[in-house]
Amino acid sequence: MRSNDVPATVIPAVRPMPAGPRNAIDRLHSHDQIESIVRLRAAVRAMGQVDVSGWDEKSLAEHLDEISATLCAIDAQLTRMADAVRARGFRIEEPLAA
């Protein structure tokens, strides 16, 4: 094709929308919001990797004060976040199983 010829009409490819709802992170617009969700998910993964059921009694007893303080701090933060969500009129619901 020469430079002065009119190009052929180009039809852009259209991707079908997924059948289910979009991922929640796709709806976030702020970088800070996205980073917050990423940090929360990382915290959940980190907690999932801790298994004190395999600890012997002595180790558990030695670290009980630290474990208790940490669990209480986690509980306080979860309560604070849940209360803030509920105060805005939203419900916190467990996701439906896939």
Protein backbone atom coordinates (compact mmCIF):
# COMPACT_ATOMS: atom_id res chain seq x y z
CA MET A 1 0.00 0.00 0.00
CA ARG A 2 1.32 3.45 -0.82
CA SER A 3 1.40 6.18 1.82
CA ASN A 4 -1.36 8.20 0.18
CA ASP A 5 -3.80 5.26 -0.02
CA VAL A 6 -6.61 5.09 2.50
CA PRO A 7 -6.03 2.21 4.92
CA ALA A 8 -8.55 -0.58 5.09
CA THR A 9 -11.11 -0.45 7.86
CA VAL A 10 -9.79 -2.09 10.99
CA ILE A 11 -12.27 -3.85 13.26
CA PRO A 12 -10.90 -4.14 16.80
CA ALA A 13 -11.10 -7.52 18.46
CA VAL A 14 -13.82 -7.65 21.08
CA ARG A 15 -13.25 -9.86 24.07
CA PRO A 16 -16.35 -11.31 25.69
CA MET A 17 -17.04 -10.27 29.27
CA PRO A 18 -16.57 -13.04 31.84
CA ALA A 19 -19.76 -14.79 32.87
CA GLY A 20 -19.38 -14.08 36.59
CA PRO A 21 -18.80 -10.87 38.52
CA ARG A 22 -15.53 -9.07 37.97
CA ASN A 23 -12.77 -9.55 40.48
CA ALA A 24 -13.21 -7.05 43.32
CA ILE A 25 -9.69 -5.70 42.86
CA ASP A 26 -10.64 -4.64 39.29
CA ARG A 27 -13.18 -2.22 40.76
CA LEU A 28 -10.67 -0.42 42.95
CA HIS A 29 -9.54 2.87 41.51
CA SER A 30 -6.98 4.14 43.97
CA HIS A 31 -3.43 2.83 44.21
CA ASP A 32 -3.74 3.04 48.02
CA GLN A 33 -6.90 0.90 47.96
CA ILE A 34 -5.24 -1.72 45.79
CA GLU A 35 -2.17 -1.77 48.05
CA SER A 36 -4.42 -2.15 51.11
CA ILE A 37 -6.15 -5.19 49.62
CA VAL A 38 -2.77 -6.68 48.66
CA ARG A 39 -1.50 -6.22 52.24
CA LEU A 40 -4.65 -7.78 53.72
CA ARG A 41 -4.35 -10.80 51.42
CA ALA A 42 -0.67 -11.14 52.34
CA ALA A 43 -1.59 -11.07 56.03
CA VAL A 44 -4.12 -13.85 55.51
CA ARG A 45 -1.55 -15.96 53.64
CA ALA A 46 1.04 -15.36 56.37
CA MET A 47 -1.41 -16.39 59.09
CA GLY A 48 -2.34 -19.48 57.10
CA GLN A 49 1.29 -20.59 57.24
CA VAL A 50 1.38 -20.57 61.05
CA ASP A 51 0.43 -23.88 62.66
CA VAL A 52 0.96 -24.04 66.41
CA SER A 53 -0.68 -27.47 66.61
CA GLY A 54 2.70 -29.04 65.88
CA TRP A 55 4.54 -27.10 68.59
CA ASP A 56 5.55 -29.01 71.68
CA GLU A 57 4.14 -27.93 75.04
CA LYS A 58 7.38 -26.28 76.16
CA SER A 59 7.69 -24.12 73.04
CA LEU A 60 4.06 -23.12 73.21
CA ALA A 61 4.37 -22.21 76.89
CA GLU A 62 7.56 -20.20 76.24
CA HIS A 63 5.89 -18.13 73.53
CA LEU A 64 2.38 -17.98 74.97
CA ASP A 65 2.60 -14.36 76.12
CA GLU A 66 3.81 -13.21 72.70
CA ILE A 67 1.25 -15.36 70.86
CA SER A 68 -1.56 -14.09 73.08
CA ALA A 69 -0.56 -10.44 72.63
CA THR A 70 -0.32 -10.89 68.86
CA LEU A 71 -3.68 -12.66 68.60
CA CYS A 72 -5.33 -9.94 70.69
CA ALA A 73 -3.80 -7.26 68.44
CA ILE A 74 -5.05 -9.07 65.33
CA ASP A 75 -8.51 -9.40 66.87
CA ALA A 76 -8.57 -5.69 67.73
CA GLN A 77 -7.62 -4.72 64.17
CA LEU A 78 -10.19 -7.07 62.64
CA THR A 79 -12.87 -5.64 64.92
CA ARG A 80 -11.84 -2.07 64.04
CA MET A 81 -12.02 -2.77 60.31
CA ALA A 82 -15.30 -4.67 60.53
CA ASP A 83 -16.87 -1.91 62.64
CA ALA A 84 -15.77 0.71 60.09
CA VAL A 85 -17.35 -1.28 57.25
CA ARG A 86 -20.58 -1.83 59.19
CA ALA A 87 -20.72 1.84 60.23
CA ARG A 88 -20.96 2.70 56.52
CA GLY A 89 -24.02 0.46 56.22
CA PHE A 90 -22.35 -2.53 54.57
CA ARG A 91 -22.54 -6.16 55.64
CA ILE A 92 -19.56 -8.43 55.96
CA GLU A 93 -20.41 -11.75 54.40
CA GLU A 94 -18.49 -14.92 53.78
CA PRO A 95 -17.85 -15.43 50.05
CA LEU A 96 -19.94 -18.06 48.30
CA ALA A 97 -18.12 -21.30 47.55
CA ALA A 98 -17.12 -21.66 43.92
